[in-house]
């Protein structure tokens, strides 16, 4: 039995590959058949990356950032028997408003997919007179009701927690600007109804290490564990050849998730393979989803690679949590309730 308990339904059929032999600097390792999604995955779409998956009806379902050949990103639906090999709906997800009328965003990218109670929520970045957060809900992946914008511009990287905390929905986000955002911290907001959002609190600032010293942002939906919320996020550094995106890890307080209990001062995954270093935007690993099984402690992380591919990495929850705790460095801004 794992030392640390994951609080989630069992998932014995999740994709998995055992740890390879040889030196690993962190508790994560890559699937040896990466990338699992290559270029030109369906007609009219040049690249799929930065996408999210979930278990659904004994199989797997996903929402995918499909970069169309005209350069405009939209969200597509995909299904899989094993979480690795995917088939896609040929058309963009048909979002409607509350009355069932078409209500499509101008563009949509970097989706997350989170189940809260009996509803699945898709969260993405879109245009609302500037970069902002888009949301939709579904219960059957047949009809998709788009919600009103939760925040005014400028904001990105919204990630919903998989259950209410103290009766409230909780959402991580990264306030930004109208450009490519050379700054950014992670904030937390709460809502009683997924419509009105408030009690905004600071969670984490950019780090003081090379890999997360420029900005940070939410990644996969936090995983509930006996140690707190296990959060995979992305950290960004600037180099003479552009930005580099890496994956980091932190553990948030279970009841007050604006408080950071542990924050790993080193990356868990950084661009090292050809499909991470070479692509439309080089040197990017960008986490958007996990699958996890409480019985075995297995975790699979889905990440975008170089804005061109989807990769898969694996790890054991005990080893990941121990590594974060052993390499933790927090500040007073991290560990306090983030309000002023």
C-alpha atoms as a PDB file:
ATOM      1  CA  UNK A   1       0.000   0.000   0.000  1.00  0.00           C
ATOM      2  CA  UNK A   2       1.224   3.529  -0.741  1.00  0.00           C
ATOM      3  CA  UNK A   3       2.491   5.511   2.247  1.00  0.00           C
ATOM      4  CA  UNK A   4       0.496   8.579   1.203  1.00  0.00           C
ATOM      5  CA  UNK A   5      -3.139   8.115   0.305  1.00  0.00           C
ATOM      6  CA  UNK A   6      -4.627   9.514  -2.911  1.00  0.00           C
ATOM      7  CA  UNK A   7      -8.294  10.355  -2.416  1.00  0.00           C
ATOM      8  CA  UNK A   8      -9.867   9.434  -5.738  1.00  0.00           C
ATOM      9  CA  UNK A   9     -11.686   6.513  -7.399  1.00  0.00           C
ATOM     10  CA  UNK A  10      -9.622   3.465  -8.318  1.00  0.00           C
ATOM     11  CA  UNK A  11      -8.235   3.489 -11.836  1.00  0.00           C
ATOM     12  CA  UNK A  12      -6.634   0.099 -12.494  1.00  0.00           C
ATOM     13  CA  UNK A  13      -6.672   0.499 -16.308  1.00  0.00           C
ATOM     14  CA  UNK A  14      -4.714   3.764 -16.427  1.00  0.00           C
ATOM     15  CA  UNK A  15      -1.707   3.839 -18.756  1.00  0.00           C
ATOM     16  CA  UNK A  16       1.529   2.836 -17.077  1.00  0.00           C
ATOM     17  CA  UNK A  17       5.123   1.906 -17.777  1.00  0.00           C
ATOM     18  CA  UNK A  18       7.598   0.781 -15.138  1.00  0.00           C
ATOM     19  CA  UNK A  19      10.591   2.908 -14.197  1.00  0.00           C
ATOM     20  CA  UNK A  20      13.481   2.392 -16.635  1.00  0.00           C
ATOM     21  CA  UNK A  21      16.946   1.457 -15.517  1.00  0.00           C
ATOM     22  CA  UNK A  22      19.603   4.107 -15.246  1.00  0.00           C
ATOM     23  CA  UNK A  23      19.981   7.463 -13.536  1.00  0.00           C
ATOM     24  CA  UNK A  24      16.936   9.646 -13.005  1.00  0.00           C
ATOM     25  CA  UNK A  25      17.362  13.076 -11.471  1.00  0.00           C
ATOM     26  CA  UNK A  26      13.713  13.284 -10.391  1.00  0.00           C
ATOM     27  CA  UNK A  27      10.913  10.818  -9.544  1.00  0.00           C
ATOM     28  CA  UNK A  28       9.328  11.184 -13.007  1.00  0.00           C
ATOM     29  CA  UNK A  29      10.163   9.243 -16.149  1.00  0.00           C
ATOM     30  CA  UNK A  30       8.941   9.529 -19.721  1.00  0.00           C
ATOM     31  CA  UNK A  31       6.942   6.993 -21.697  1.00  0.00           C
ATOM     32  CA  UNK A  32       9.403   5.409 -24.088  1.00  0.00           C
ATOM     33  CA  UNK A  33       6.953   5.697 -27.007  1.00  0.00           C
ATOM     34  CA  UNK A  34       6.565   9.490 -26.703  1.00  0.00           C
ATOM     35  CA  UNK A  35       5.193  11.534 -28.274  1.00  0.00           C
ATOM     36  CA  UNK A  36       1.811   9.848 -28.014  1.00  0.00           C
ATOM     37  CA  UNK A  37       0.242  12.437 -30.349  1.00  0.00           C
ATOM     38  CA  UNK A  38       2.216  13.497 -33.416  1.00  0.00           C
ATOM     39  CA  UNK A  39       1.746  16.296 -35.922  1.00  0.00           C
ATOM     40  CA  UNK A  40      -1.218  16.501 -38.341  1.00  0.00           C
ATOM     41  CA  UNK A  41      -3.484  14.345 -36.142  1.00  0.00           C
ATOM     42  CA  UNK A  42      -6.704  15.042 -38.081  1.00  0.00           C
ATOM     43  CA  UNK A  43      -7.787  16.969 -41.181  1.00  0.00           C
ATOM     44  CA  UNK A  44      -7.421  20.717 -40.816  1.00  0.00           C
ATOM     45  CA  UNK A  45      -5.390  20.433 -37.593  1.00  0.00           C
ATOM     46  CA  UNK A  46      -1.612  20.782 -37.760  1.00  0.00           C
ATOM     47  CA  UNK A  47      -0.755  20.078 -34.120  1.00  0.00           C
ATOM     48  CA  UNK A  48      -2.345  18.878 -30.885  1.00  0.00           C
ATOM     49  CA  UNK A  49      -0.682  19.763 -27.563  1.00  0.00           C
ATOM     50  CA  UNK A  50      -1.458  21.184 -24.101  1.00  0.00           C
ATOM     51  CA  UNK A  51      -4.494  18.933 -23.661  1.00  0.00           C
ATOM     52  CA  UNK A  52      -6.368  17.209 -20.833  1.00  0.00           C
ATOM     53  CA  UNK A  53      -7.837  13.725 -20.291  1.00  0.00           C
ATOM     54  CA  UNK A  54     -10.090  11.963 -17.771  1.00  0.00           C
ATOM     55  CA  UNK A  55     -11.547   8.518 -17.137  1.00  0.00           C
ATOM     56  CA  UNK A  56     -15.040   8.166 -18.567  1.00  0.00           C
ATOM     57  CA  UNK A  57     -17.316   5.109 -18.693  1.00  0.00           C
ATOM     58  CA  UNK A  58     -14.432   2.691 -18.179  1.00  0.00           C
ATOM     59  CA  UNK A  59     -12.358   4.284 -20.930  1.00  0.00           C
ATOM     60  CA  UNK A  60     -10.788   7.707 -21.430  1.00  0.00           C
ATOM     61  CA  UNK A  61     -11.945  10.992 -22.871  1.00  0.00           C
ATOM     62  CA  UNK A  62      -9.984  14.125 -23.636  1.00  0.00           C
ATOM     63  CA  UNK A  63     -10.230  17.756 -24.660  1.00  0.00           C
ATOM     64  CA  UNK A  64      -7.448  18.730 -27.022  1.00  0.00           C
ATOM     65  CA  UNK A  65      -5.896  21.977 -28.129  1.00  0.00           C
ATOM     66  CA  UNK A  66      -6.061  21.617 -31.883  1.00  0.00           C
ATOM     67  CA  UNK A  67      -3.970  24.204 -33.695  1.00  0.00           C
ATOM     68  CA  UNK A  68      -5.721  24.527 -37.043  1.00  0.00           C
ATOM     69  CA  UNK A  69      -3.713  24.857 -40.226  1.00  0.00           C
ATOM     70  CA  UNK A  70      -4.766  28.524 -40.337  1.00  0.00           C
ATOM     71  CA  UNK A  71      -3.105  29.035 -36.949  1.00  0.00           C
ATOM     72  CA  UNK A  72      -6.299  29.528 -34.915  1.00  0.00           C
ATOM     73  CA  UNK A  73      -6.593  27.163 -31.910  1.00  0.00           C
ATOM     74  CA  UNK A  74      -9.821  25.433 -30.922  1.00  0.00           C
ATOM     75  CA  UNK A  75     -10.807  22.567 -28.642  1.00  0.00           C
ATOM     76  CA  UNK A  76     -11.544  19.116 -30.029  1.00  0.00           C
ATOM     77  CA  UNK A  77     -12.941  16.024 -28.317  1.00  0.00           C
ATOM     78  CA  UNK A  78     -11.114  12.698 -28.341  1.00  0.00           C
ATOM     79  CA  UNK A  79     -11.696   9.183 -27.021  1.00  0.00           C
ATOM     80  CA  UNK A  80      -9.340   6.344 -26.142  1.00  0.00           C
ATOM     81  CA  UNK A  81      -9.452   2.748 -24.939  1.00  0.00           C
ATOM     82  CA  UNK A  82      -6.058   2.931 -23.221  1.00  0.00           C
ATOM     83  CA  UNK A  83      -5.287   6.619 -22.652  1.00  0.00           C
ATOM     84  CA  UNK A  84      -2.494   6.498 -25.258  1.00  0.00           C
ATOM     85  CA  UNK A  85      -4.053   5.922 -28.681  1.00  0.00           C
ATOM     86  CA  UNK A  86      -6.734   8.484 -29.552  1.00  0.00           C
ATOM     87  CA  UNK A  87      -9.491   9.064 -32.058  1.00  0.00           C
ATOM     88  CA  UNK A  88     -10.949  12.534 -32.451  1.00  0.00           C
ATOM     89  CA  UNK A  89     -14.227  14.117 -33.372  1.00  0.00           C
ATOM     90  CA  UNK A  90     -13.576  15.830 -36.724  1.00  0.00           C
ATOM     91  CA  UNK A  91     -15.314  19.080 -35.742  1.00  0.00           C
ATOM     92  CA  UNK A  92     -14.623  21.526 -32.934  1.00  0.00           C
ATOM     93  CA  UNK A  93     -16.579  21.010 -29.706  1.00  0.00           C
ATOM     94  CA  UNK A  94     -19.980  22.691 -30.349  1.00  0.00           C
ATOM     95  CA  UNK A  95     -20.449  24.995 -27.379  1.00  0.00           C
ATOM     96  CA  UNK A  96     -23.905  26.463 -26.745  1.00  0.00           C
ATOM     97  CA  UNK A  97     -25.332  28.956 -24.286  1.00  0.00           C
ATOM     98  CA  UNK A  98     -27.826  28.144 -21.522  1.00  0.00           C
ATOM     99  CA  UNK A  99     -30.679  28.286 -24.080  1.00  0.00           C
ATOM    100  CA  UNK A 100     -29.002  25.805 -26.395  1.00  0.00           C
ATOM    101  CA  UNK A 101     -27.991  28.394 -29.011  1.00  0.00           C
ATOM    102  CA  UNK A 102     -24.515  28.264 -30.574  1.00  0.00           C
ATOM    103  CA  UNK A 103     -21.995  30.161 -28.444  1.00  0.00           C
ATOM    104  CA  UNK A 104     -18.524  29.549 -29.811  1.00  0.00           C
ATOM    105  CA  UNK A 105     -15.394  31.377 -28.624  1.00  0.00           C
ATOM    106  CA  UNK A 106     -13.324  33.270 -31.168  1.00  0.00           C
ATOM    107  CA  UNK A 107     -10.469  30.939 -30.261  1.00  0.00           C
ATOM    108  CA  UNK A 108      -9.755  28.533 -27.414  1.00  0.00           C
ATOM    109  CA  UNK A 109      -6.561  26.902 -26.191  1.00  0.00           C
ATOM    110  CA  UNK A 110      -4.811  25.036 -23.348  1.00  0.00           C
ATOM    111  CA  UNK A 111      -7.919  23.270 -21.991  1.00  0.00           C
ATOM    112  CA  UNK A 112      -8.204  21.526 -18.652  1.00  0.00           C
ATOM    113  CA  UNK A 113     -10.890  18.967 -17.852  1.00  0.00           C
ATOM    114  CA  UNK A 114     -12.071  18.467 -14.264  1.00  0.00           C
ATOM    115  CA  UNK A 115     -14.991  16.533 -12.774  1.00  0.00           C
ATOM    116  CA  UNK A 116     -16.681  18.098  -9.760  1.00  0.00           C
ATOM    117  CA  UNK A 117     -19.512  15.980  -8.350  1.00  0.00           C
ATOM    118  CA  UNK A 118     -21.595  14.890 -11.375  1.00  0.00           C
ATOM    119  CA  UNK A 119     -20.443  17.559 -13.811  1.00  0.00           C
ATOM    120  CA  UNK A 120     -17.406  17.796 -16.070  1.00  0.00           C
ATOM    121  CA  UNK A 121     -15.956  21.271 -16.535  1.00  0.00           C
ATOM    122  CA  UNK A 122     -13.742  22.369 -19.408  1.00  0.00           C
ATOM    123  CA  UNK A 123     -11.613  25.433 -18.671  1.00  0.00           C
ATOM    124  CA  UNK A 124      -9.497  27.165 -21.310  1.00  0.00           C
ATOM    125  CA  UNK A 125      -7.975  30.465 -22.421  1.00  0.00           C
ATOM    126  CA  UNK A 126      -9.942  32.582 -24.904  1.00  0.00           C
ATOM    127  CA  UNK A 127     -10.543  36.117 -26.113  1.00  0.00           C
ATOM    128  CA  UNK A 128     -12.786  38.388 -24.039  1.00  0.00           C
ATOM    129  CA  UNK A 129     -11.400  41.690 -25.298  1.00  0.00           C
ATOM    130  CA  UNK A 130      -8.068  40.292 -24.192  1.00  0.00           C
ATOM    131  CA  UNK A 131      -6.772  36.951 -22.957  1.00  0.00           C
ATOM    132  CA  UNK A 132      -9.243  35.554 -20.447  1.00  0.00           C
ATOM    133  CA  UNK A 133     -10.691  32.371 -18.995  1.00  0.00           C
ATOM    134  CA  UNK A 134     -13.424  30.383 -20.736  1.00  0.00           C
ATOM    135  CA  UNK A 135     -15.566  27.672 -19.160  1.00  0.00           C
ATOM    136  CA  UNK A 136     -18.125  25.103 -20.196  1.00  0.00           C
ATOM    137  CA  UNK A 137     -19.869  22.158 -18.558  1.00  0.00           C
ATOM    138  CA  UNK A 138     -21.188  18.788 -19.661  1.00  0.00           C
ATOM    139  CA  UNK A 139     -22.491  15.615 -18.074  1.00  0.00           C
ATOM    140  CA  UNK A 140     -22.436  13.376 -21.147  1.00  0.00           C
ATOM    141  CA  UNK A 141     -19.855  14.807 -23.587  1.00  0.00           C
ATOM    142  CA  UNK A 142     -22.656  15.254 -26.102  1.00  0.00           C
ATOM    143  CA  UNK A 143     -23.892  18.709 -25.161  1.00  0.00           C
ATOM    144  CA  UNK A 144     -21.549  21.430 -23.915  1.00  0.00           C
ATOM    145  CA  UNK A 145     -22.961  24.498 -22.193  1.00  0.00           C
ATOM    146  CA  UNK A 146     -20.622  27.446 -22.152  1.00  0.00           C
ATOM    147  CA  UNK A 147     -20.640  29.614 -19.037  1.00  0.00           C
ATOM    148  CA  UNK A 148     -20.143  33.344 -18.688  1.00  0.00           C
ATOM    149  CA  UNK A 149     -16.586  34.603 -18.355  1.00  0.00           C
ATOM    150  CA  UNK A 150     -15.556  34.178 -14.700  1.00  0.00           C
ATOM    151  CA  UNK A 151     -13.000  37.025 -14.801  1.00  0.00           C
ATOM    152  CA  UNK A 152     -12.235  40.120 -16.830  1.00  0.00           C
ATOM    153  CA  UNK A 153      -8.985  40.187 -18.825  1.00  0.00           C
ATOM    154  CA  UNK A 154      -6.170  39.507 -18.501  1.00  0.00           C
ATOM    155  CA  UNK A 155      -5.907  35.972 -17.148  1.00  0.00           C
ATOM    156  CA  UNK A 156      -4.728  32.509 -18.175  1.00  0.00           C
ATOM    157  CA  UNK A 157      -4.001  29.009 -16.852  1.00  0.00           C
ATOM    158  CA  UNK A 158      -7.227  28.443 -14.951  1.00  0.00           C
ATOM    159  CA  UNK A 159      -7.392  25.116 -13.113  1.00  0.00           C
ATOM    160  CA  UNK A 160     -10.417  23.924 -11.119  1.00  0.00           C
ATOM    161  CA  UNK A 161     -10.075  21.803  -7.988  1.00  0.00           C
ATOM    162  CA  UNK A 162     -11.825  18.399  -8.283  1.00  0.00           C
ATOM    163  CA  UNK A 163     -14.122  19.001  -5.307  1.00  0.00           C
ATOM    164  CA  UNK A 164     -15.578  21.857  -3.338  1.00  0.00           C
ATOM    165  CA  UNK A 165     -13.560  23.055  -0.351  1.00  0.00           C
ATOM    166  CA  UNK A 166     -15.549  24.369   2.594  1.00  0.00           C
ATOM    167  CA  UNK A 167     -18.596  24.305   0.334  1.00  0.00           C
ATOM    168  CA  UNK A 168     -17.011  26.477  -2.387  1.00  0.00           C
ATOM    169  CA  UNK A 169     -15.673  25.784  -5.853  1.00  0.00           C
ATOM    170  CA  UNK A 170     -11.968  26.656  -6.020  1.00  0.00           C
ATOM    171  CA  UNK A 171     -10.053  27.848  -9.067  1.00  0.00           C
ATOM    172  CA  UNK A 172      -6.374  28.555  -9.633  1.00  0.00           C
ATOM    173  CA  UNK A 173      -5.436  31.172 -12.217  1.00  0.00           C
ATOM    174  CA  UNK A 174      -2.513  33.286 -13.380  1.00  0.00           C
ATOM    175  CA  UNK A 175      -3.321  36.980 -13.949  1.00  0.00           C
ATOM    176  CA  UNK A 176      -1.370  38.257 -16.927  1.00  0.00           C
ATOM    177  CA  UNK A 177      -1.268  41.069 -19.475  1.00  0.00           C
ATOM    178  CA  UNK A 178      -2.172  41.579 -23.124  1.00  0.00           C
ATOM    179  CA  UNK A 179       1.096  40.133 -24.404  1.00  0.00           C
ATOM    180  CA  UNK A 180       3.111  36.993 -23.806  1.00  0.00           C
ATOM    181  CA  UNK A 181       3.335  37.845 -20.105  1.00  0.00           C
ATOM    182  CA  UNK A 182       6.932  38.045 -18.847  1.00  0.00           C
ATOM    183  CA  UNK A 183       5.656  37.727 -15.255  1.00  0.00           C
ATOM    184  CA  UNK A 184       3.057  35.787 -13.309  1.00  0.00           C
ATOM    185  CA  UNK A 185       2.060  34.284  -9.957  1.00  0.00           C
ATOM    186  CA  UNK A 186      -0.614  31.716  -9.118  1.00  0.00           C
ATOM    187  CA  UNK A 187      -3.780  32.974  -7.397  1.00  0.00           C
ATOM    188  CA  UNK A 188      -6.824  31.231  -5.911  1.00  0.00           C
ATOM    189  CA  UNK A 189     -10.472  32.283  -6.250  1.00  0.00           C
ATOM    190  CA  UNK A 190     -13.660  30.757  -4.861  1.00  0.00           C
ATOM    191  CA  UNK A 191     -17.284  30.631  -5.940  1.00  0.00           C
ATOM    192  CA  UNK A 192     -20.547  29.355  -4.439  1.00  0.00           C
ATOM    193  CA  UNK A 193     -22.082  28.645  -7.858  1.00  0.00           C
ATOM    194  CA  UNK A 194     -19.449  28.723 -10.666  1.00  0.00           C
ATOM    195  CA  UNK A 195     -20.837  32.140 -11.656  1.00  0.00           C
ATOM    196  CA  UNK A 196     -19.635  34.686  -9.099  1.00  0.00           C
ATOM    197  CA  UNK A 197     -15.992  34.525  -8.104  1.00  0.00           C
ATOM    198  CA  UNK A 198     -14.279  36.294  -5.238  1.00  0.00           C
ATOM    199  CA  UNK A 199     -12.109  36.019  -2.128  1.00  0.00           C
ATOM    200  CA  UNK A 200      -9.085  36.091  -4.419  1.00  0.00           C
ATOM    201  CA  UNK A 201      -5.917  34.970  -2.665  1.00  0.00           C
ATOM    202  CA  UNK A 202      -2.278  34.667  -3.594  1.00  0.00           C
ATOM    203  CA  UNK A 203      -0.851  31.135  -3.651  1.00  0.00           C
ATOM    204  CA  UNK A 204       2.694  31.212  -5.031  1.00  0.00           C
ATOM    205  CA  UNK A 205       5.099  33.707  -6.557  1.00  0.00           C
ATOM    206  CA  UNK A 206       7.615  32.957  -9.240  1.00  0.00           C
ATOM    207  CA  UNK A 207      10.586  31.117  -7.790  1.00  0.00           C
ATOM    208  CA  UNK A 208      14.179  32.031  -7.146  1.00  0.00           C
ATOM    209  CA  UNK A 209      15.655  29.134  -9.119  1.00  0.00           C
ATOM    210  CA  UNK A 210      16.687  29.334 -12.758  1.00  0.00           C
ATOM    211  CA  UNK A 211      13.790  27.212 -14.061  1.00  0.00           C
ATOM    212  CA  UNK A 212      10.880  29.143 -12.484  1.00  0.00           C
ATOM    213  CA  UNK A 213      12.378  32.596 -11.984  1.00  0.00           C
ATOM    214  CA  UNK A 214      10.359  34.396 -14.691  1.00  0.00           C
ATOM    215  CA  UNK A 215       6.784  33.210 -14.093  1.00  0.00           C
ATOM    216  CA  UNK A 216       4.715  30.240 -12.992  1.00  0.00           C
ATOM    217  CA  UNK A 217       1.226  28.968 -13.778  1.00  0.00           C
ATOM    218  CA  UNK A 218      -1.212  26.201 -12.978  1.00  0.00           C
ATOM    219  CA  UNK A 219      -0.925  22.838 -14.670  1.00  0.00           C
ATOM    220  CA  UNK A 220      -2.985  19.732 -14.014  1.00  0.00           C
ATOM    221  CA  UNK A 221      -5.929  19.749 -11.604  1.00  0.00           C
ATOM    222  CA  UNK A 222      -4.607  19.295  -8.053  1.00  0.00           C
ATOM    223  CA  UNK A 223      -4.670  15.726  -6.714  1.00  0.00           C
ATOM    224  CA  UNK A 224      -6.151  15.254  -3.250  1.00  0.00           C
ATOM    225  CA  UNK A 225      -3.815  13.294  -0.976  1.00  0.00           C
ATOM    226  CA  UNK A 226      -3.408  12.635   2.739  1.00  0.00           C
ATOM    227  CA  UNK A 227      -0.539  15.186   2.735  1.00  0.00           C
ATOM    228  CA  UNK A 228      -2.506  17.950   1.002  1.00  0.00           C
ATOM    229  CA  UNK A 229      -3.239  18.946  -2.582  1.00  0.00           C
ATOM    230  CA  UNK A 230      -0.486  17.676  -4.885  1.00  0.00           C
ATOM    231  CA  UNK A 231      -0.093  20.294  -7.611  1.00  0.00           C
ATOM    232  CA  UNK A 232       1.959  20.042 -10.791  1.00  0.00           C
ATOM    233  CA  UNK A 233       2.590  23.489 -12.242  1.00  0.00           C
ATOM    234  CA  UNK A 234       4.753  25.020 -14.937  1.00  0.00           C
ATOM    235  CA  UNK A 235       7.729  27.267 -14.301  1.00  0.00           C
ATOM    236  CA  UNK A 236       9.322  29.492 -16.921  1.00  0.00           C
ATOM    237  CA  UNK A 237      12.781  30.968 -17.331  1.00  0.00           C
ATOM    238  CA  UNK A 238      14.117  33.354 -19.938  1.00  0.00           C
ATOM    239  CA  UNK A 239      17.248  32.569 -21.916  1.00  0.00           C
ATOM    240  CA  UNK A 240      19.133  34.210 -24.765  1.00  0.00           C
ATOM    241  CA  UNK A 241      17.218  31.828 -27.039  1.00  0.00           C
ATOM    242  CA  UNK A 242      13.723  32.368 -25.596  1.00  0.00           C
ATOM    243  CA  UNK A 243      11.596  30.923 -22.808  1.00  0.00           C
ATOM    244  CA  UNK A 244      12.025  27.450 -21.312  1.00  0.00           C
ATOM    245  CA  UNK A 245       9.012  25.764 -19.669  1.00  0.00           C
ATOM    246  CA  UNK A 246       9.521  23.079 -17.006  1.00  0.00           C
ATOM    247  CA  UNK A 247       7.218  21.126 -14.679  1.00  0.00           C
ATOM    248  CA  UNK A 248       7.381  21.737 -10.932  1.00  0.00           C
ATOM    249  CA  UNK A 249       5.580  20.301  -7.917  1.00  0.00           C
ATOM    250  CA  UNK A 250       4.053  21.666  -4.710  1.00  0.00           C
ATOM    251  CA  UNK A 251       1.700  20.547  -1.941  1.00  0.00           C
ATOM    252  CA  UNK A 252      -1.071  22.891  -0.781  1.00  0.00           C
ATOM    253  CA  UNK A 253      -3.011  22.857   2.483  1.00  0.00           C
ATOM    254  CA  UNK A 254      -6.089  20.659   2.153  1.00  0.00           C
ATOM    255  CA  UNK A 255      -8.515  23.180   3.709  1.00  0.00           C
ATOM    256  CA  UNK A 256      -6.702  26.458   2.909  1.00  0.00           C
ATOM    257  CA  UNK A 257      -5.121  25.855  -0.495  1.00  0.00           C
ATOM    258  CA  UNK A 258      -3.706  29.376  -0.694  1.00  0.00           C
ATOM    259  CA  UNK A 259      -1.169  28.085   1.858  1.00  0.00           C
ATOM    260  CA  UNK A 260       1.782  26.207   0.384  1.00  0.00           C
ATOM    261  CA  UNK A 261       3.062  23.442   2.649  1.00  0.00           C
ATOM    262  CA  UNK A 262       5.915  22.270   0.426  1.00  0.00           C
ATOM    263  CA  UNK A 263       7.353  23.611  -2.805  1.00  0.00           C
ATOM    264  CA  UNK A 264      10.040  21.724  -4.678  1.00  0.00           C
ATOM    265  CA  UNK A 265      12.966  23.996  -5.495  1.00  0.00           C
ATOM    266  CA  UNK A 266      13.999  21.891  -8.488  1.00  0.00           C
ATOM    267  CA  UNK A 267      12.053  20.898 -11.561  1.00  0.00           C
ATOM    268  CA  UNK A 268      10.392  17.506 -11.916  1.00  0.00           C
ATOM    269  CA  UNK A 269      10.611  17.515 -15.723  1.00  0.00           C
ATOM    270  CA  UNK A 270      12.467  19.899 -18.035  1.00  0.00           C
ATOM    271  CA  UNK A 271      12.974  19.794 -21.817  1.00  0.00           C
ATOM    272  CA  UNK A 272      15.543  17.149 -22.664  1.00  0.00           C
ATOM    273  CA  UNK A 273      14.104  15.030 -25.485  1.00  0.00           C
ATOM    274  CA  UNK A 274      13.936  16.006 -29.162  1.00  0.00           C
ATOM    275  CA  UNK A 275      10.138  16.375 -29.101  1.00  0.00           C
ATOM    276  CA  UNK A 276      10.424  18.784 -26.132  1.00  0.00           C
ATOM    277  CA  UNK A 277      13.382  20.791 -27.407  1.00  0.00           C
ATOM    278  CA  UNK A 278      12.418  20.972 -31.085  1.00  0.00           C
ATOM    279  CA  UNK A 279       9.048  22.124 -32.368  1.00  0.00           C
ATOM    280  CA  UNK A 280       6.821  25.083 -33.132  1.00  0.00           C
ATOM    281  CA  UNK A 281       7.804  26.621 -29.772  1.00  0.00           C
ATOM    282  CA  UNK A 282      11.025  24.910 -28.634  1.00  0.00           C
ATOM    283  CA  UNK A 283      11.935  23.943 -25.077  1.00  0.00           C
ATOM    284  CA  UNK A 284       8.490  23.443 -23.571  1.00  0.00           C
ATOM    285  CA  UNK A 285       7.017  20.820 -21.258  1.00  0.00           C
ATOM    286  CA  UNK A 286       3.570  22.009 -20.142  1.00  0.00           C
ATOM    287  CA  UNK A 287       1.401  19.851 -17.822  1.00  0.00           C
ATOM    288  CA  UNK A 288      -2.371  19.882 -18.300  1.00  0.00           C
ATOM    289  CA  UNK A 289      -3.724  16.646 -16.787  1.00  0.00           C
ATOM    290  CA  UNK A 290      -3.024  13.594 -14.673  1.00  0.00           C
ATOM    291  CA  UNK A 291      -4.494  10.141 -14.280  1.00  0.00           C
ATOM    292  CA  UNK A 292      -3.928   8.540 -10.883  1.00  0.00           C
ATOM    293  CA  UNK A 293      -4.786   5.328  -9.087  1.00  0.00           C
ATOM    294  CA  UNK A 294      -5.029   5.345  -5.263  1.00  0.00           C
ATOM    295  CA  UNK A 295      -4.570   1.580  -4.974  1.00  0.00           C
ATOM    296  CA  UNK A 296      -1.110   1.571  -6.540  1.00  0.00           C
ATOM    297  CA  UNK A 297      -0.066   5.223  -6.143  1.00  0.00           C
ATOM    298  CA  UNK A 298       0.589   5.443  -9.863  1.00  0.00           C
ATOM    299  CA  UNK A 299       0.393   8.865 -11.530  1.00  0.00           C
ATOM    300  CA  UNK A 300       0.504   9.598 -15.270  1.00  0.00           C
ATOM    301  CA  UNK A 301       1.082  13.194 -16.368  1.00  0.00           C
ATOM    302  CA  UNK A 302      -0.031  14.432 -19.792  1.00  0.00           C
ATOM    303  CA  UNK A 303       2.016  17.337 -21.032  1.00  0.00           C
ATOM    304  CA  UNK A 304       2.396  19.452 -24.138  1.00  0.00           C
ATOM    305  CA  UNK A 305       5.827  19.274 -25.761  1.00  0.00           C
ATOM    306  CA  UNK A 306       7.287  22.147 -27.798  1.00  0.00           C
ATOM    307  CA  UNK A 307       3.752  23.301 -28.734  1.00  0.00           C
ATOM    308  CA  UNK A 308       3.759  20.448 -31.240  1.00  0.00           C
ATOM    309  CA  UNK A 309       3.175  17.115 -29.481  1.00  0.00           C
ATOM    310  CA  UNK A 310       1.661  15.417 -26.436  1.00  0.00           C
ATOM    311  CA  UNK A 311       3.946  13.493 -24.114  1.00  0.00           C
ATOM    312  CA  UNK A 312       3.294  11.188 -21.178  1.00  0.00           C
ATOM    313  CA  UNK A 313       5.332  10.851 -17.982  1.00  0.00           C
ATOM    314  CA  UNK A 314       4.939   8.519 -15.015  1.00  0.00           C
ATOM    315  CA  UNK A 315       5.739   8.470 -11.316  1.00  0.00           C
ATOM    316  CA  UNK A 316       4.768   6.963  -7.968  1.00  0.00           C
ATOM    317  CA  UNK A 317       2.895   9.246  -5.562  1.00  0.00           C
ATOM    318  CA  UNK A 318       5.055   8.264  -2.562  1.00  0.00           C
ATOM    319  CA  UNK A 319       8.268   9.044  -4.399  1.00  0.00           C
ATOM    320  CA  UNK A 320       6.930  12.305  -5.847  1.00  0.00           C
ATOM    321  CA  UNK A 321       5.630  13.577  -2.500  1.00  0.00           C
ATOM    322  CA  UNK A 322       8.813  12.561  -0.668  1.00  0.00           C
ATOM    323  CA  UNK A 323      10.926  14.284  -3.324  1.00  0.00           C
ATOM    324  CA  UNK A 324       8.919  17.510  -3.062  1.00  0.00           C
ATOM    325  CA  UNK A 325       9.188  17.471   0.729  1.00  0.00           C
ATOM    326  CA  UNK A 326      12.912  16.663   0.739  1.00  0.00           C
ATOM    327  CA  UNK A 327      13.671  19.436  -1.775  1.00  0.00           C
ATOM    328  CA  UNK A 328      11.185  21.962  -0.436  1.00  0.00           C
ATOM    329  CA  UNK A 329      11.937  25.639  -0.134  1.00  0.00           C
ATOM    330  CA  UNK A 330       9.116  27.971   0.868  1.00  0.00           C
ATOM    331  CA  UNK A 331       8.872  31.644   1.776  1.00  0.00           C
ATOM    332  CA  UNK A 332       6.522  33.480   4.109  1.00  0.00           C
ATOM    333  CA  UNK A 333       4.490  34.515   1.050  1.00  0.00           C
ATOM    334  CA  UNK A 334       4.032  30.831   0.209  1.00  0.00           C
ATOM    335  CA  UNK A 335       3.039  29.571   3.651  1.00  0.00           C
ATOM    336  CA  UNK A 336       0.690  32.365   4.738  1.00  0.00           C
ATOM    337  CA  UNK A 337      -2.940  32.705   3.735  1.00  0.00           C
ATOM    338  CA  UNK A 338      -2.555  34.842   0.647  1.00  0.00           C
ATOM    339  CA  UNK A 339      -4.486  37.974   1.507  1.00  0.00           C
ATOM    340  CA  UNK A 340      -3.406  41.538   2.249  1.00  0.00           C
END
